Amino acid sequence: MEIRQAQEKDLAFVREMLEKSRGTDRFARGFPRGGMEDLERDYQAKGTTLLENFYIVGDGEGIFGIYGGSYGTYLVGPMLQEPCHEVRAMVKVVEAAEKIAGKVLTVDVVETNTALMEALPLAGFENYCQDVAMTLDLDGFEVEPASEEMVNVEQTDDFILKEINRIWKRDLVDWRNSTVEELMEYLQDGWQITARLVDGKVAGAMIWNDGSLEYLCVAKEFEGKGYGRGLLEFAAGKLRQKNIKSWYIAADQSNTRAISLYKSFGFNVDYYHTFFKKELKG
């Protein structure tokens, strides 16, 4: 299977593929909600480009794209028709990925793509996360006034960052092995961190930007008091001021409490998707 550094024409092809396949059951997403544009901005913030980190893998059975993401190496595609071809092609892609970079190959699959869902475990991939993709339509959305207790956290807010990290390590499953330094990296990459303070204590916080909500967590001792909704209202108000039309989140399917909050706030379910990963030898 051929593997080579991507060229501009390759990225143009991937953009076209994403547009044609978006929302269909043949689409393994693998990109941020904002698509290529968001990904290109992420790389620019790190002093490099998507083109420098994107590889094309392909043969007669399909075209794949591989790029180095924050948590490993991500696979985009395939656009194949036969499940048996998918298994064989997956094995070849893994072999090719081991020659370039990264310790983990990750695939994000819309769950209606049953052929790929079946092919990945046969090719040695492990199912490690199931999310529900949701979008908030902000056009005409009415927002309550923001609380004075909301704080936009900066890199110099050492106490608040440490408190957010302490609470999230305790109460947020995805953050159990994370650090204050990772919060700092989000700020350095252009994300916003907003905290809700109650009597000087961090009741809850979120990481977000104009395109999506990355994390939201309310401390257990402050649950049920409306602080999660208050954080959402704060962000939605800021987005409406910028005339942004929609906002996205991917929530863990097992987190029924959070999903219930998002739905009651106005988020609509787009689709369900599953993340697969495979440890690489290279």
Protein backbone atom coordinates (compact mmCIF):
# COMPACT_ATOMS: atom_id res chain seq x y z
CA MET A 1 0.00 0.00 0.00
CA GLU A 2 1.40 3.38 -1.03
CA ILE A 3 2.12 5.98 1.64
CA ARG A 4 3.34 9.49 0.87
CA GLN A 5 3.34 13.04 2.18
CA ALA A 6 0.15 14.85 1.22
CA GLN A 7 0.09 17.58 -1.40
CA GLU A 8 -2.34 20.49 -1.69
CA LYS A 9 -4.40 18.57 -4.25
CA ASP A 10 -4.78 15.73 -1.75
CA LEU A 11 -6.21 18.04 0.90
CA ALA A 12 -8.59 19.45 -1.72
CA PHE A 13 -9.74 15.89 -2.42
CA VAL A 14 -10.23 15.19 1.31
CA ARG A 15 -12.27 18.40 1.66
CA GLU A 16 -14.47 17.28 -1.22
CA MET A 17 -14.81 13.80 0.32
CA LEU A 18 -15.83 15.28 3.66
CA GLU A 19 -18.53 17.44 2.08
CA LYS A 20 -19.96 14.61 -0.02
CA SER A 21 -20.01 12.09 2.80
CA ARG A 22 -20.95 14.28 5.78
CA GLY A 23 -23.92 12.80 7.58
CA THR A 24 -23.90 9.55 5.62
CA ASP A 25 -23.19 6.08 6.95
CA ARG A 26 -19.99 5.82 4.88
CA PHE A 27 -18.24 8.62 6.71
CA ALA A 28 -15.62 8.00 9.40
CA ARG A 29 -15.42 11.54 10.72
CA GLY A 30 -11.98 11.89 12.28
CA PHE A 31 -12.08 15.69 12.03
CA PRO A 32 -13.11 18.45 14.45
CA ARG A 33 -16.64 19.81 13.99
CA GLY A 34 -15.29 22.70 11.93
CA GLY A 35 -13.63 20.26 9.52
CA MET A 36 -10.38 21.07 7.75
CA GLU A 37 -10.49 24.74 8.73
CA ASP A 38 -10.47 24.02 12.47
CA LEU A 39 -7.71 21.46 12.05
CA GLU A 40 -5.58 23.87 10.02
CA ARG A 41 -5.97 26.55 12.70
CA ASP A 42 -4.92 24.06 15.39
CA TYR A 43 -1.70 23.27 13.53
CA GLN A 44 -0.97 26.93 12.86
CA ALA A 45 -1.24 27.61 16.60
CA LYS A 46 1.47 24.97 17.09
CA GLY A 47 3.77 26.61 14.52
CA THR A 48 3.26 24.04 11.77
CA THR A 49 0.71 23.19 9.07
CA LEU A 50 -1.80 20.44 8.40
CA LEU A 51 -0.06 19.72 5.10
CA GLU A 52 3.22 18.93 6.89
CA ASN A 53 1.45 16.43 9.16
CA PHE A 54 -0.91 14.74 6.71
CA TYR A 55 -0.12 11.53 4.85
CA ILE A 56 -2.03 9.78 2.10
CA VAL A 57 -2.36 6.01 2.17
CA GLY A 58 -4.09 4.24 -0.69
CA ASP A 59 -4.33 1.64 -3.37
CA GLY A 60 -7.04 0.27 -5.61
CA GLU A 61 -9.31 -0.46 -2.65
CA GLY A 62 -9.63 3.06 -1.29
CA ILE A 63 -8.01 6.29 -0.22
CA PHE A 64 -7.16 7.03 3.39
CA GLY A 65 -5.74 10.09 5.09
CA ILE A 66 -3.62 9.94 8.23
CA TYR A 67 -2.75 12.97 10.33
CA GLY A 68 -1.04 13.45 13.66
CA GLY A 69 -3.57 14.64 16.22
CA SER A 70 -3.18 15.78 19.84
CA TYR A 71 -3.82 12.31 21.23
CA GLY A 72 -2.10 10.18 18.58
CA THR A 73 -2.40 9.45 14.90
CA TYR A 74 -5.85 9.79 13.36
CA LEU A 75 -7.28 7.99 10.33
CA VAL A 76 -9.74 9.62 7.92
CA GLY A 77 -11.79 7.42 5.57
CA PRO A 78 -12.30 4.95 4.10
CA MET A 79 -14.83 5.26 1.30
CA LEU A 80 -15.13 1.55 0.53
CA GLN A 81 -18.06 -0.68 -0.35
CA GLU A 82 -17.27 -4.27 0.68
CA PRO A 83 -16.69 -5.27 4.33
CA CYS A 84 -14.06 -7.85 3.34
CA HIS A 85 -12.14 -5.13 1.51
CA GLU A 86 -12.41 -2.91 4.56
CA VAL A 87 -10.75 -5.49 6.82
CA ARG A 88 -7.91 -6.12 4.39
CA ALA A 89 -7.44 -2.40 3.78
CA MET A 90 -7.49 -1.66 7.52
CA VAL A 91 -4.65 -4.08 8.15
CA LYS A 92 -2.65 -2.42 5.37
CA VAL A 93 -3.32 1.04 6.79
CA VAL A 94 -2.10 -0.07 10.22
CA GLU A 95 1.08 -1.43 8.66
CA ALA A 96 1.60 1.85 6.82
CA ALA A 97 0.87 3.98 9.89
CA GLU A 98 3.51 2.14 11.88
CA LYS A 99 6.08 3.44 9.39
CA ILE A 100 5.37 7.13 9.95
CA ALA A 101 4.62 8.46 13.42
CA GLY A 102 2.65 8.14 16.61
CA LYS A 103 2.04 5.35 19.08
CA VAL A 104 -1.72 5.06 18.57
CA LEU A 105 -3.90 4.98 15.46
CA THR A 106 -7.38 6.34 16.19
CA VAL A 107 -10.55 6.12 14.11
CA ASP A 108 -13.81 7.97 14.80
CA VAL A 109 -16.75 6.13 13.22
CA VAL A 110 -20.40 7.11 12.86
CA GLU A 111 -22.26 4.12 14.32
CA THR A 112 -24.51 3.67 11.29
CA ASN A 113 -21.38 2.66 9.35
CA THR A 114 -21.87 -0.96 10.43
CA ALA A 115 -19.35 -2.39 7.95
CA LEU A 116 -16.50 -0.33 9.39
CA MET A 117 -17.71 -0.95 12.95
CA GLU A 118 -17.36 -4.68 12.27
CA ALA A 119 -14.08 -4.39 10.33
CA LEU A 120 -12.05 -2.46 12.89
CA PRO A 121 -12.05 -5.08 15.69
CA LEU A 122 -11.07 -7.72 13.13
CA ALA A 123 -8.11 -5.52 12.20
CA GLY A 124 -7.00 -5.32 15.84
CA PHE A 125 -8.71 -2.08 16.92
CA GLU A 126 -10.19 -1.61 20.41
CA ASN A 127 -13.44 0.26 21.07
CA TYR A 128 -12.56 2.77 23.81
CA CYS A 129 -15.17 5.55 23.75
CA GLN A 130 -18.72 6.15 22.56
CA ASP A 131 -19.97 9.71 22.10
CA VAL A 132 -23.14 11.46 21.03
CA ALA A 133 -22.61 14.48 18.77
CA MET A 134 -24.96 17.36 19.56
CA THR A 135 -25.47 20.84 18.11
CA LEU A 136 -27.07 23.94 19.60
CA ASP A 137 -28.81 26.20 17.08
CA LEU A 138 -28.07 29.74 18.29
CA ASP A 139 -30.11 31.56 15.65
CA GLY A 140 -32.79 33.37 17.65
CA PHE A 141 -31.69 31.64 20.85
CA GLU A 142 -32.70 33.59 23.97
CA VAL A 143 -30.02 33.83 26.64
CA GLU A 144 -30.27 34.81 30.29
CA PRO A 145 -27.90 37.54 31.62
CA ALA A 146 -24.46 36.21 32.58
CA SER A 147 -23.65 35.84 36.26
CA GLU A 148 -21.12 38.18 37.84
CA GLU A 149 -19.54 35.11 39.40
CA MET A 150 -18.24 33.88 36.00
CA VAL A 151 -14.48 34.20 35.54
CA ASN A 152 -12.60 33.89 32.26
CA VAL A 153 -9.52 32.07 33.48
CA GLU A 154 -6.07 33.20 32.36
CA GLN A 155 -2.70 31.47 32.56
CA THR A 156 -1.79 33.62 35.57
CA ASP A 157 -4.81 32.42 37.59
CA ASP A 158 -2.80 29.73 39.30
CA PHE A 159 -5.20 29.08 42.19
CA ILE A 160 -8.29 28.70 39.97
CA LEU A 161 -6.46 26.42 37.52
CA LYS A 162 -5.29 24.20 40.36
CA GLU A 163 -8.80 24.07 41.81
CA ILE A 164 -10.33 23.16 38.43
CA ASN A 165 -7.75 20.43 37.98
CA ARG A 166 -8.35 19.08 41.52
CA ILE A 167 -12.13 18.96 41.07
CA TRP A 168 -11.99 17.50 37.58
CA LYS A 169 -9.52 14.77 38.57
CA ARG A 170 -12.00 13.79 41.25
CA ASP A 171 -15.31 14.19 39.39
CA LEU A 172 -14.58 13.98 35.63
CA VAL A 173 -13.64 10.54 34.33
CA ASP A 174 -11.88 11.88 31.21
CA TRP A 175 -9.62 14.08 33.36
CA ARG A 176 -8.41 11.49 35.90
CA ASN A 177 -4.87 11.37 34.47
CA SER A 178 -4.64 15.00 33.35
CA THR A 179 -2.76 17.96 34.82
CA VAL A 180 -2.76 21.72 35.30
CA GLU A 181 -0.25 21.86 32.44
CA GLU A 182 -2.92 20.46 30.11
CA LEU A 183 -5.30 23.24 31.14
CA MET A 184 -2.50 25.69 30.33
CA GLU A 185 -2.06 24.09 26.92
CA TYR A 186 -5.73 24.65 26.13
CA LEU A 187 -5.31 28.34 26.92
CA GLN A 188 -2.15 28.53 24.83
CA ASP A 189 -3.99 26.91 21.91
CA GLY A 190 -6.70 29.60 21.99
CA TRP A 191 -9.42 27.83 24.00
CA GLN A 192 -11.31 29.67 26.73
CA ILE A 193 -11.67 28.35 30.27
CA THR A 194 -14.59 29.82 32.22
CA ALA A 195 -15.15 29.08 35.90
CA ARG A 196 -18.26 29.62 38.05
CA LEU A 197 -17.29 30.83 41.50
CA VAL A 198 -19.45 30.57 44.62
CA ASP A 199 -18.12 32.32 47.70
CA GLY A 200 -14.64 32.17 46.19
CA LYS A 201 -14.86 28.44 45.48
CA VAL A 202 -14.89 26.85 42.01
CA ALA A 203 -18.37 25.35 41.61
CA GLY A 204 -17.85 24.37 37.98
CA ALA A 205 -15.88 25.16 34.85
CA MET A 206 -15.82 24.61 31.10
CA ILE A 207 -13.31 24.61 28.24
CA TRP A 208 -14.82 26.03 25.07
CA ASN A 209 -14.34 28.09 21.94
CA ASP A 210 -16.52 29.59 19.24
CA GLY A 211 -17.00 26.21 17.58
CA SER A 212 -17.48 23.73 20.39
CA LEU A 213 -17.67 22.87 24.07
CA GLU A 214 -14.77 20.60 25.00
CA TYR A 215 -15.41 19.95 28.71
CA LEU A 216 -17.97 21.02 31.28
CA CYS A 217 -17.97 19.77 34.86
CA VAL A 218 -19.74 20.90 38.04
CA ALA A 219 -18.24 19.85 41.37
CA LYS A 220 -20.32 17.14 43.06
CA GLU A 221 -21.03 19.32 46.10
CA PHE A 222 -22.56 21.98 43.81
CA GLU A 223 -24.63 19.70 41.55
CA GLY A 224 -28.34 20.37 41.08
CA LYS A 225 -28.08 24.12 41.69
CA GLY A 226 -28.15 25.28 38.06
CA TYR A 227 -24.45 26.08 37.75
CA GLY A 228 -23.96 23.87 34.69
CA ARG A 229 -26.82 25.62 32.90
CA GLY A 230 -25.37 28.95 33.99
CA LEU A 231 -22.06 28.14 32.32
CA LEU A 232 -23.88 27.19 29.11
CA GLU A 233 -25.89 30.42 29.23
CA PHE A 234 -22.71 32.44 29.66
CA ALA A 235 -21.06 30.86 26.61
CA ALA A 236 -24.23 31.05 24.49
CA GLY A 237 -24.56 34.74 25.31
CA LYS A 238 -20.99 35.43 24.19
CA LEU A 239 -21.53 33.42 20.99
CA ARG A 240 -24.76 35.28 20.20
CA GLN A 241 -22.89 38.59 20.57
CA LYS A 242 -20.54 37.36 17.81
CA ASN A 243 -23.50 36.30 15.65
CA ILE A 244 -22.33 32.67 15.70
CA LYS A 245 -25.10 30.38 14.48
CA SER A 246 -24.31 27.01 16.08
CA TRP A 247 -22.28 25.36 18.81
CA TYR A 248 -21.18 21.72 19.03
CA ILE A 249 -20.44 19.16 21.73
CA ALA A 250 -19.56 15.46 21.77
CA ALA A 251 -20.75 13.93 25.06
CA ASP A 252 -19.94 10.48 26.42
CA GLN A 253 -23.00 8.28 25.81
CA SER A 254 -22.78 6.92 29.36
CA ASN A 255 -23.02 10.42 30.87
CA THR A 256 -26.81 10.54 30.86
CA ARG A 257 -26.94 13.42 33.34
CA ALA A 258 -24.90 15.69 31.07
CA ILE A 259 -26.81 14.63 27.95
CA SER A 260 -30.09 15.41 29.71
CA LEU A 261 -28.77 18.90 30.58
CA TYR A 262 -27.65 19.57 27.01
CA LYS A 263 -30.97 18.42 25.56
CA SER A 264 -32.97 20.53 28.03
CA PHE A 265 -30.78 23.51 27.11
CA GLY A 266 -31.62 23.10 23.42
CA PHE A 267 -28.88 20.86 21.96
CA ASN A 268 -30.09 18.44 19.29
CA VAL A 269 -28.55 15.01 18.63
CA ASP A 270 -26.72 14.84 15.28
CA TYR A 271 -25.43 11.29 15.41
CA TYR A 272 -23.76 8.67 17.60
CA HIS A 273 -20.14 7.73 17.01
CA THR A 274 -17.53 5.36 18.39
CA PHE A 275 -13.79 5.82 18.80
CA PHE A 276 -11.47 2.91 18.06
CA LYS A 277 -7.74 2.78 18.70
CA LYS A 278 -4.85 0.47 17.99
CA GLU A 279 -1.43 0.57 19.61
CA LEU A 280 1.27 0.85 16.96
CA LYS A 281 4.67 -0.80 16.94
CA GLY A 282 6.53 2.18 15.49
